[in-house]
């Protein structure tokens, strides 16, 4: 009996040492979350744009055979917002986006010319044209690849539209000695133009929710549609020339470089 009790005591004393010699099982490794670009996003953007309205407006008349306004180059700020959704397939990312921008892209062009229509009577005509892209919008697709998991390069293209305002002011001053008569006519027209937009950009994932991008977009709204010129009005002056107006034009375009911040929804780490 004493031997049995002694054996039990010796065995219990040896258990802690045996446990210390047994290998410990390592805790399961924490799996790092896999980055993903899929999800809806909304954001704001701002940048700078420049437009081209390459019309030629010519007056063929007795005062001059080459009285022209040769198009308008415009420039100004762009600010707005965007909303879209991305999908990821391995190293490729694609998506769709709608954006709307208010702009200050505007410009003007003018020409003045003087001539004598009869002895002692001179006429000075100043014609000015102005353009303004009041707003820009587009609905585009985006497709690109991931050089790294937090950055992608993409090309983009789709439909585009603009609210476009044109204005014209025609001022003629008829002088006879110390007296003069000034006649000013103005016209303005606003309409919607539709076309396409193409471009490219890069977007960086600052966090899983915050996205930062820089992109370039080229908008093309088709053949420009210059408003008809204003005819010089000479009242009760013998020999007043009858002005004819010829308009030719190229394509109405604008280019924009902008930066954007977007917030992506639906990510849970």
C-alpha atoms as a PDB file:
ATOM      1  CA  UNK A   1       0.000   0.000   0.000  1.00  0.00           C
ATOM      2  CA  UNK A   2       2.818   2.341   0.933  1.00  0.00           C
ATOM      3  CA  UNK A   3       4.594   1.548  -2.348  1.00  0.00           C
ATOM      4  CA  UNK A   4       1.440   2.362  -4.353  1.00  0.00           C
ATOM      5  CA  UNK A   5       0.974   5.738  -2.658  1.00  0.00           C
ATOM      6  CA  UNK A   6       4.665   6.515  -3.156  1.00  0.00           C
ATOM      7  CA  UNK A   7       4.429   5.689  -6.883  1.00  0.00           C
ATOM      8  CA  UNK A   8       1.416   7.996  -7.307  1.00  0.00           C
ATOM      9  CA  UNK A   9       3.202  10.872  -5.597  1.00  0.00           C
ATOM     10  CA  UNK A  10       6.272  10.466  -7.799  1.00  0.00           C
ATOM     11  CA  UNK A  11       4.137  10.375 -10.973  1.00  0.00           C
ATOM     12  CA  UNK A  12       2.200  13.522 -10.064  1.00  0.00           C
ATOM     13  CA  UNK A  13       5.455  15.344  -9.367  1.00  0.00           C
ATOM     14  CA  UNK A  14       6.766  14.424 -12.811  1.00  0.00           C
ATOM     15  CA  UNK A  15       3.685  15.690 -14.755  1.00  0.00           C
ATOM     16  CA  UNK A  16       4.652  19.429 -14.857  1.00  0.00           C
ATOM     17  CA  UNK A  17       8.097  18.578 -16.230  1.00  0.00           C
ATOM     18  CA  UNK A  18       6.585  16.364 -18.918  1.00  0.00           C
ATOM     19  CA  UNK A  19       4.111  19.083 -19.902  1.00  0.00           C
ATOM     20  CA  UNK A  20       6.936  21.624 -20.223  1.00  0.00           C
ATOM     21  CA  UNK A  21       8.731  19.316 -22.646  1.00  0.00           C
ATOM     22  CA  UNK A  22       5.654  18.890 -24.935  1.00  0.00           C
ATOM     23  CA  UNK A  23       5.617  21.138 -28.079  1.00  0.00           C
ATOM     24  CA  UNK A  24       3.036  23.954 -27.982  1.00  0.00           C
ATOM     25  CA  UNK A  25       0.587  24.365 -30.905  1.00  0.00           C
ATOM     26  CA  UNK A  26       1.009  27.775 -32.591  1.00  0.00           C
ATOM     27  CA  UNK A  27      -2.130  30.021 -32.678  1.00  0.00           C
ATOM     28  CA  UNK A  28      -3.800  30.274 -36.102  1.00  0.00           C
ATOM     29  CA  UNK A  29      -2.246  32.991 -38.303  1.00  0.00           C
ATOM     30  CA  UNK A  30      -4.408  36.066 -39.007  1.00  0.00           C
ATOM     31  CA  UNK A  31      -5.298  36.250 -42.708  1.00  0.00           C
ATOM     32  CA  UNK A  32      -4.741  39.719 -44.130  1.00  0.00           C
ATOM     33  CA  UNK A  33      -7.824  41.145 -45.883  1.00  0.00           C
ATOM     34  CA  UNK A  34      -7.709  40.981 -49.694  1.00  0.00           C
ATOM     35  CA  UNK A  35      -8.040  44.415 -51.282  1.00  0.00           C
ATOM     36  CA  UNK A  36     -10.958  44.856 -53.675  1.00  0.00           C
ATOM     37  CA  UNK A  37     -12.213  47.688 -55.894  1.00  0.00           C
ATOM     38  CA  UNK A  38     -15.793  46.436 -56.270  1.00  0.00           C
ATOM     39  CA  UNK A  39     -18.551  48.743 -55.038  1.00  0.00           C
ATOM     40  CA  UNK A  40     -20.489  51.963 -55.467  1.00  0.00           C
ATOM     41  CA  UNK A  41     -18.820  55.324 -54.956  1.00  0.00           C
ATOM     42  CA  UNK A  42     -19.670  59.018 -54.941  1.00  0.00           C
ATOM     43  CA  UNK A  43     -17.358  62.015 -54.980  1.00  0.00           C
ATOM     44  CA  UNK A  44     -16.342  65.495 -56.101  1.00  0.00           C
ATOM     45  CA  UNK A  45     -13.891  66.778 -58.705  1.00  0.00           C
ATOM     46  CA  UNK A  46     -12.279  69.999 -59.840  1.00  0.00           C
ATOM     47  CA  UNK A  47      -9.873  71.098 -62.543  1.00  0.00           C
ATOM     48  CA  UNK A  48      -9.253  73.245 -65.601  1.00  0.00           C
ATOM     49  CA  UNK A  49     -10.502  73.122 -69.186  1.00  0.00           C
ATOM     50  CA  UNK A  50      -9.953  74.744 -72.559  1.00  0.00           C
ATOM     51  CA  UNK A  51     -12.296  74.763 -75.554  1.00  0.00           C
ATOM     52  CA  UNK A  52     -12.153  75.415 -79.290  1.00  0.00           C
ATOM     53  CA  UNK A  53     -14.917  76.770 -81.524  1.00  0.00           C
ATOM     54  CA  UNK A  54     -13.150  76.951 -84.921  1.00  0.00           C
ATOM     55  CA  UNK A  55     -15.703  78.854 -86.988  1.00  0.00           C
ATOM     56  CA  UNK A  56     -14.911  81.547 -89.555  1.00  0.00           C
ATOM     57  CA  UNK A  57     -17.382  84.420 -89.855  1.00  0.00           C
ATOM     58  CA  UNK A  58     -16.724  86.597 -92.910  1.00  0.00           C
ATOM     59  CA  UNK A  59     -18.249  89.850 -94.102  1.00  0.00           C
ATOM     60  CA  UNK A  60     -17.822  90.429 -97.822  1.00  0.00           C
ATOM     61  CA  UNK A  61     -18.645  94.062 -98.430  1.00  0.00           C
ATOM     62  CA  UNK A  62     -17.515  97.413 -99.743  1.00  0.00           C
ATOM     63  CA  UNK A  63     -15.614  98.264 -96.562  1.00  0.00           C
ATOM     64  CA  UNK A  64     -13.425  95.170 -96.713  1.00  0.00           C
ATOM     65  CA  UNK A  65     -13.197  91.896 -98.576  1.00  0.00           C
ATOM     66  CA  UNK A  66     -11.704  90.155 -95.500  1.00  0.00           C
ATOM     67  CA  UNK A  67     -13.545  91.218 -92.357  1.00  0.00           C
ATOM     68  CA  UNK A  68     -13.364  87.979 -90.329  1.00  0.00           C
ATOM     69  CA  UNK A  69     -13.682  86.588 -86.850  1.00  0.00           C
ATOM     70  CA  UNK A  70     -11.594  83.442 -86.822  1.00  0.00           C
ATOM     71  CA  UNK A  71     -13.046  81.280 -84.081  1.00  0.00           C
ATOM     72  CA  UNK A  72     -12.910  81.355 -80.306  1.00  0.00           C
ATOM     73  CA  UNK A  73     -10.508  79.722 -77.868  1.00  0.00           C
ATOM     74  CA  UNK A  74     -11.960  79.499 -74.376  1.00  0.00           C
ATOM     75  CA  UNK A  75     -10.656  78.409 -70.973  1.00  0.00           C
ATOM     76  CA  UNK A  76     -11.682  78.254 -67.334  1.00  0.00           C
ATOM     77  CA  UNK A  77     -12.348  76.194 -64.226  1.00  0.00           C
ATOM     78  CA  UNK A  78     -14.367  72.978 -63.857  1.00  0.00           C
ATOM     79  CA  UNK A  79     -16.037  71.752 -60.640  1.00  0.00           C
ATOM     80  CA  UNK A  80     -18.630  69.047 -60.063  1.00  0.00           C
ATOM     81  CA  UNK A  81     -19.425  65.564 -58.814  1.00  0.00           C
ATOM     82  CA  UNK A  82     -19.436  61.945 -59.947  1.00  0.00           C
ATOM     83  CA  UNK A  83     -21.242  58.703 -59.071  1.00  0.00           C
ATOM     84  CA  UNK A  84     -20.462  55.188 -60.243  1.00  0.00           C
ATOM     85  CA  UNK A  85     -19.755  51.511 -59.616  1.00  0.00           C
ATOM     86  CA  UNK A  86     -16.618  49.406 -60.112  1.00  0.00           C
ATOM     87  CA  UNK A  87     -16.088  45.662 -60.555  1.00  0.00           C
ATOM     88  CA  UNK A  88     -12.813  43.759 -60.172  1.00  0.00           C
ATOM     89  CA  UNK A  89     -11.733  40.589 -62.032  1.00  0.00           C
ATOM     90  CA  UNK A  90      -8.282  39.597 -60.831  1.00  0.00           C
ATOM     91  CA  UNK A  91      -5.888  42.325 -61.980  1.00  0.00           C
ATOM     92  CA  UNK A  92      -8.547  44.063 -64.077  1.00  0.00           C
ATOM     93  CA  UNK A  93     -11.037  46.719 -62.941  1.00  0.00           C
ATOM     94  CA  UNK A  94     -13.997  48.109 -64.879  1.00  0.00           C
ATOM     95  CA  UNK A  95     -16.914  50.336 -64.091  1.00  0.00           C
ATOM     96  CA  UNK A  96     -19.514  52.861 -65.169  1.00  0.00           C
ATOM     97  CA  UNK A  97     -19.742  56.511 -64.112  1.00  0.00           C
ATOM     98  CA  UNK A  98     -21.992  59.548 -64.501  1.00  0.00           C
ATOM     99  CA  UNK A  99     -20.537  63.006 -63.829  1.00  0.00           C
ATOM    100  CA  UNK A 100     -21.815  66.594 -64.046  1.00  0.00           C
ATOM    101  CA  UNK A 101     -19.641  69.722 -63.926  1.00  0.00           C
ATOM    102  CA  UNK A 102     -20.323  73.420 -63.680  1.00  0.00           C
ATOM    103  CA  UNK A 103     -17.721  75.336 -65.672  1.00  0.00           C
ATOM    104  CA  UNK A 104     -16.258  78.757 -66.236  1.00  0.00           C
ATOM    105  CA  UNK A 105     -14.845  77.777 -69.641  1.00  0.00           C
ATOM    106  CA  UNK A 106     -15.465  80.847 -71.780  1.00  0.00           C
ATOM    107  CA  UNK A 107     -13.808  83.047 -74.374  1.00  0.00           C
ATOM    108  CA  UNK A 108     -14.397  85.727 -76.979  1.00  0.00           C
ATOM    109  CA  UNK A 109     -13.102  87.052 -80.277  1.00  0.00           C
ATOM    110  CA  UNK A 110     -13.626  90.437 -81.922  1.00  0.00           C
ATOM    111  CA  UNK A 111     -12.667  92.537 -84.915  1.00  0.00           C
ATOM    112  CA  UNK A 112     -12.993  96.234 -85.699  1.00  0.00           C
ATOM    113  CA  UNK A 113     -12.820  97.895 -89.109  1.00  0.00           C
ATOM    114  CA  UNK A 114     -13.347 101.415 -90.391  1.00  0.00           C
ATOM    115  CA  UNK A 115     -14.154 102.675 -93.876  1.00  0.00           C
ATOM    116  CA  UNK A 116     -15.442 105.687 -95.764  1.00  0.00           C
ATOM    117  CA  UNK A 117     -18.713 105.042 -97.517  1.00  0.00           C
ATOM    118  CA  UNK A 118     -18.923 108.512 -99.110  1.00  0.00           C
ATOM    119  CA  UNK A 119     -17.158 111.827 -98.798  1.00  0.00           C
ATOM    120  CA  UNK A 120     -17.122 112.931 -95.163  1.00  0.00           C
ATOM    121  CA  UNK A 121     -19.006 109.843 -93.877  1.00  0.00           C
ATOM    122  CA  UNK A 122     -17.078 107.064 -92.113  1.00  0.00           C
ATOM    123  CA  UNK A 123     -18.364 103.899 -90.537  1.00  0.00           C
ATOM    124  CA  UNK A 124     -16.579 101.890 -87.826  1.00  0.00           C
ATOM    125  CA  UNK A 125     -17.920  98.447 -87.138  1.00  0.00           C
ATOM    126  CA  UNK A 126     -16.903  96.286 -84.175  1.00  0.00           C
ATOM    127  CA  UNK A 127     -18.128  92.730 -84.083  1.00  0.00           C
ATOM    128  CA  UNK A 128     -17.579  90.521 -81.029  1.00  0.00           C
ATOM    129  CA  UNK A 129     -18.487  86.873 -80.478  1.00  0.00           C
ATOM    130  CA  UNK A 130     -18.377  84.989 -77.176  1.00  0.00           C
ATOM    131  CA  UNK A 131     -18.785  81.360 -76.114  1.00  0.00           C
ATOM    132  CA  UNK A 132     -19.408  79.736 -72.736  1.00  0.00           C
ATOM    133  CA  UNK A 133     -19.665  76.090 -71.723  1.00  0.00           C
ATOM    134  CA  UNK A 134     -22.178  76.505 -68.881  1.00  0.00           C
ATOM    135  CA  UNK A 135     -21.973  72.851 -67.864  1.00  0.00           C
ATOM    136  CA  UNK A 136     -20.464  69.536 -68.957  1.00  0.00           C
ATOM    137  CA  UNK A 137     -21.726  66.021 -68.331  1.00  0.00           C
ATOM    138  CA  UNK A 138     -20.951  62.471 -69.367  1.00  0.00           C
ATOM    139  CA  UNK A 139     -21.976  58.840 -68.911  1.00  0.00           C
ATOM    140  CA  UNK A 140     -18.858  56.710 -69.470  1.00  0.00           C
ATOM    141  CA  UNK A 141     -17.394  53.283 -69.034  1.00  0.00           C
ATOM    142  CA  UNK A 142     -13.943  52.779 -67.470  1.00  0.00           C
ATOM    143  CA  UNK A 143     -11.615  49.792 -67.949  1.00  0.00           C
ATOM    144  CA  UNK A 144      -8.054  49.276 -66.757  1.00  0.00           C
ATOM    145  CA  UNK A 145      -5.546  47.118 -64.905  1.00  0.00           C
ATOM    146  CA  UNK A 146      -3.805  47.081 -61.510  1.00  0.00           C
ATOM    147  CA  UNK A 147      -0.008  47.606 -61.540  1.00  0.00           C
ATOM    148  CA  UNK A 148      -0.349  47.304 -57.748  1.00  0.00           C
ATOM    149  CA  UNK A 149      -3.326  46.275 -55.651  1.00  0.00           C
ATOM    150  CA  UNK A 150      -3.962  49.882 -54.557  1.00  0.00           C
ATOM    151  CA  UNK A 151      -3.543  51.656 -57.912  1.00  0.00           C
ATOM    152  CA  UNK A 152      -5.095  51.228 -61.352  1.00  0.00           C
ATOM    153  CA  UNK A 153      -4.668  52.849 -64.754  1.00  0.00           C
ATOM    154  CA  UNK A 154      -7.707  53.099 -67.016  1.00  0.00           C
ATOM    155  CA  UNK A 155      -9.123  54.318 -70.286  1.00  0.00           C
ATOM    156  CA  UNK A 156     -12.603  55.775 -70.461  1.00  0.00           C
ATOM    157  CA  UNK A 157     -15.232  56.683 -73.059  1.00  0.00           C
ATOM    158  CA  UNK A 158     -18.930  57.320 -73.511  1.00  0.00           C
ATOM    159  CA  UNK A 159     -21.672  59.852 -74.166  1.00  0.00           C
ATOM    160  CA  UNK A 160     -21.254  63.548 -73.348  1.00  0.00           C
ATOM    161  CA  UNK A 161     -23.382  66.688 -73.312  1.00  0.00           C
ATOM    162  CA  UNK A 162     -22.992  70.408 -72.668  1.00  0.00           C
ATOM    163  CA  UNK A 163     -25.171  73.452 -72.150  1.00  0.00           C
ATOM    164  CA  UNK A 164     -23.549  75.928 -74.529  1.00  0.00           C
ATOM    165  CA  UNK A 165     -24.174  79.683 -74.783  1.00  0.00           C
ATOM    166  CA  UNK A 166     -23.187  81.852 -77.755  1.00  0.00           C
ATOM    167  CA  UNK A 167     -23.476  85.619 -77.917  1.00  0.00           C
ATOM    168  CA  UNK A 168     -22.744  88.294 -80.477  1.00  0.00           C
ATOM    169  CA  UNK A 169     -22.535  92.071 -80.267  1.00  0.00           C
ATOM    170  CA  UNK A 170     -22.332  94.235 -83.380  1.00  0.00           C
ATOM    171  CA  UNK A 171     -21.643  97.943 -82.875  1.00  0.00           C
ATOM    172  CA  UNK A 172     -21.458 100.419 -85.757  1.00  0.00           C
ATOM    173  CA  UNK A 173     -20.548 104.076 -85.425  1.00  0.00           C
ATOM    174  CA  UNK A 174     -21.406 106.352 -88.354  1.00  0.00           C
ATOM    175  CA  UNK A 175     -19.534 109.655 -88.211  1.00  0.00           C
ATOM    176  CA  UNK A 176     -20.202 112.865 -90.167  1.00  0.00           C
ATOM    177  CA  UNK A 177     -17.955 115.690 -89.085  1.00  0.00           C
ATOM    178  CA  UNK A 178     -18.362 116.159 -85.334  1.00  0.00           C
ATOM    179  CA  UNK A 179     -21.598 114.153 -85.202  1.00  0.00           C
ATOM    180  CA  UNK A 180     -21.932 110.396 -84.880  1.00  0.00           C
ATOM    181  CA  UNK A 181     -24.647 107.797 -84.653  1.00  0.00           C
ATOM    182  CA  UNK A 182     -24.054 104.536 -82.746  1.00  0.00           C
ATOM    183  CA  UNK A 183     -26.077 101.440 -83.493  1.00  0.00           C
ATOM    184  CA  UNK A 184     -25.606  98.368 -81.258  1.00  0.00           C
ATOM    185  CA  UNK A 185     -27.245  95.007 -81.815  1.00  0.00           C
ATOM    186  CA  UNK A 186     -26.863  91.975 -79.558  1.00  0.00           C
ATOM    187  CA  UNK A 187     -27.958  88.371 -79.734  1.00  0.00           C
ATOM    188  CA  UNK A 188     -27.580  85.359 -77.420  1.00  0.00           C
ATOM    189  CA  UNK A 189     -28.521  81.730 -77.809  1.00  0.00           C
ATOM    190  CA  UNK A 190     -28.272  78.795 -75.379  1.00  0.00           C
ATOM    191  CA  UNK A 191     -28.784  75.186 -76.398  1.00  0.00           C
ATOM    192  CA  UNK A 192     -27.763  71.630 -75.554  1.00  0.00           C
ATOM    193  CA  UNK A 193     -25.061  69.908 -77.576  1.00  0.00           C
ATOM    194  CA  UNK A 194     -24.467  66.142 -77.502  1.00  0.00           C
ATOM    195  CA  UNK A 195     -21.393  64.145 -78.461  1.00  0.00           C
ATOM    196  CA  UNK A 196     -18.818  61.870 -76.884  1.00  0.00           C
ATOM    197  CA  UNK A 197     -16.004  61.972 -74.337  1.00  0.00           C
ATOM    198  CA  UNK A 198     -12.814  59.879 -74.224  1.00  0.00           C
ATOM    199  CA  UNK A 199      -9.846  59.979 -71.907  1.00  0.00           C
ATOM    200  CA  UNK A 200      -7.530  58.229 -69.457  1.00  0.00           C
ATOM    201  CA  UNK A 201      -6.569  58.400 -65.821  1.00  0.00           C
ATOM    202  CA  UNK A 202      -5.112  56.798 -62.743  1.00  0.00           C
ATOM    203  CA  UNK A 203      -6.792  56.153 -59.382  1.00  0.00           C
ATOM    204  CA  UNK A 204      -5.174  55.387 -56.010  1.00  0.00           C
ATOM    205  CA  UNK A 205      -6.835  53.741 -53.028  1.00  0.00           C
ATOM    206  CA  UNK A 206      -5.805  55.878 -50.031  1.00  0.00           C
ATOM    207  CA  UNK A 207      -7.884  53.636 -47.761  1.00  0.00           C
ATOM    208  CA  UNK A 208     -10.375  50.901 -48.594  1.00  0.00           C
ATOM    209  CA  UNK A 209     -13.044  53.627 -48.761  1.00  0.00           C
ATOM    210  CA  UNK A 210     -11.209  56.762 -49.944  1.00  0.00           C
ATOM    211  CA  UNK A 211     -10.174  56.948 -53.623  1.00  0.00           C
ATOM    212  CA  UNK A 212      -7.991  59.648 -55.231  1.00  0.00           C
ATOM    213  CA  UNK A 213      -7.668  60.124 -59.005  1.00  0.00           C
ATOM    214  CA  UNK A 214      -6.265  62.351 -61.743  1.00  0.00           C
ATOM    215  CA  UNK A 215      -7.745  62.148 -65.258  1.00  0.00           C
ATOM    216  CA  UNK A 216      -7.881  63.794 -68.670  1.00  0.00           C
ATOM    217  CA  UNK A 217     -11.063  63.985 -70.780  1.00  0.00           C
ATOM    218  CA  UNK A 218     -11.589  65.147 -74.369  1.00  0.00           C
ATOM    219  CA  UNK A 219     -15.151  66.191 -75.302  1.00  0.00           C
ATOM    220  CA  UNK A 220     -16.321  66.406 -78.921  1.00  0.00           C
ATOM    221  CA  UNK A 221     -19.728  67.940 -79.705  1.00  0.00           C
ATOM    222  CA  UNK A 222     -19.630  67.675 -83.466  1.00  0.00           C
ATOM    223  CA  UNK A 223     -19.663  70.400 -86.074  1.00  0.00           C
ATOM    224  CA  UNK A 224     -19.816  73.859 -84.540  1.00  0.00           C
ATOM    225  CA  UNK A 225     -22.954  75.886 -85.213  1.00  0.00           C
ATOM    226  CA  UNK A 226     -22.061  79.592 -85.188  1.00  0.00           C
ATOM    227  CA  UNK A 227     -24.921  82.035 -84.918  1.00  0.00           C
ATOM    228  CA  UNK A 228     -25.610  84.180 -87.971  1.00  0.00           C
ATOM    229  CA  UNK A 229     -23.827  87.498 -88.059  1.00  0.00           C
ATOM    230  CA  UNK A 230     -25.601  90.817 -87.723  1.00  0.00           C
ATOM    231  CA  UNK A 231     -25.897  93.058 -90.777  1.00  0.00           C
ATOM    232  CA  UNK A 232     -24.709  96.626 -90.561  1.00  0.00           C
ATOM    233  CA  UNK A 233     -27.680  98.970 -90.655  1.00  0.00           C
ATOM    234  CA  UNK A 234     -27.169 102.319 -92.399  1.00  0.00           C
ATOM    235  CA  UNK A 235     -30.204 104.581 -92.374  1.00  0.00           C
ATOM    236  CA  UNK A 236     -30.620 107.370 -94.962  1.00  0.00           C
ATOM    237  CA  UNK A 237     -27.008 107.136 -96.112  1.00  0.00           C
ATOM    238  CA  UNK A 238     -26.462 106.902 -99.851  1.00  0.00           C
ATOM    239  CA  UNK A 239     -24.198 104.032-100.889  1.00  0.00           C
ATOM    240  CA  UNK A 240     -24.407 102.065 -97.608  1.00  0.00           C
ATOM    241  CA  UNK A 241     -22.949  98.597 -98.390  1.00  0.00           C
ATOM    242  CA  UNK A 242     -25.133  95.530 -98.090  1.00  0.00           C
ATOM    243  CA  UNK A 243     -23.159  93.082 -95.968  1.00  0.00           C
ATOM    244  CA  UNK A 244     -23.374  89.377 -96.631  1.00  0.00           C
ATOM    245  CA  UNK A 245     -22.255  86.835 -94.007  1.00  0.00           C
ATOM    246  CA  UNK A 246     -20.598  83.497 -94.727  1.00  0.00           C
ATOM    247  CA  UNK A 247     -20.090  81.000 -91.867  1.00  0.00           C
ATOM    248  CA  UNK A 248     -17.872  77.934 -91.991  1.00  0.00           C
ATOM    249  CA  UNK A 249     -16.936  75.855 -88.982  1.00  0.00           C
ATOM    250  CA  UNK A 250     -15.059  72.851 -87.627  1.00  0.00           C
ATOM    251  CA  UNK A 251     -15.808  70.728 -84.559  1.00  0.00           C
ATOM    252  CA  UNK A 252     -16.736  72.153 -81.172  1.00  0.00           C
ATOM    253  CA  UNK A 253     -14.440  70.531 -78.581  1.00  0.00           C
ATOM    254  CA  UNK A 254     -13.137  71.007 -75.066  1.00  0.00           C
ATOM    255  CA  UNK A 255     -10.453  69.306 -72.983  1.00  0.00           C
ATOM    256  CA  UNK A 256     -10.389  68.942 -69.206  1.00  0.00           C
ATOM    257  CA  UNK A 257      -7.736  67.909 -66.694  1.00  0.00           C
ATOM    258  CA  UNK A 258      -9.141  67.304 -63.232  1.00  0.00           C
ATOM    259  CA  UNK A 259      -8.543  65.665 -59.876  1.00  0.00           C
ATOM    260  CA  UNK A 260     -11.224  63.808 -57.909  1.00  0.00           C
ATOM    261  CA  UNK A 261     -11.933  62.338 -54.470  1.00  0.00           C
ATOM    262  CA  UNK A 262     -14.483  59.528 -54.101  1.00  0.00           C
ATOM    263  CA  UNK A 263     -15.907  57.567 -51.171  1.00  0.00           C
ATOM    264  CA  UNK A 264     -16.512  53.864 -51.777  1.00  0.00           C
ATOM    265  CA  UNK A 265     -19.420  52.168 -50.004  1.00  0.00           C
ATOM    266  CA  UNK A 266     -19.930  48.605 -48.809  1.00  0.00           C
ATOM    267  CA  UNK A 267     -16.440  47.716 -47.563  1.00  0.00           C
ATOM    268  CA  UNK A 268     -16.273  45.851 -44.244  1.00  0.00           C
ATOM    269  CA  UNK A 269     -12.865  44.755 -42.982  1.00  0.00           C
END
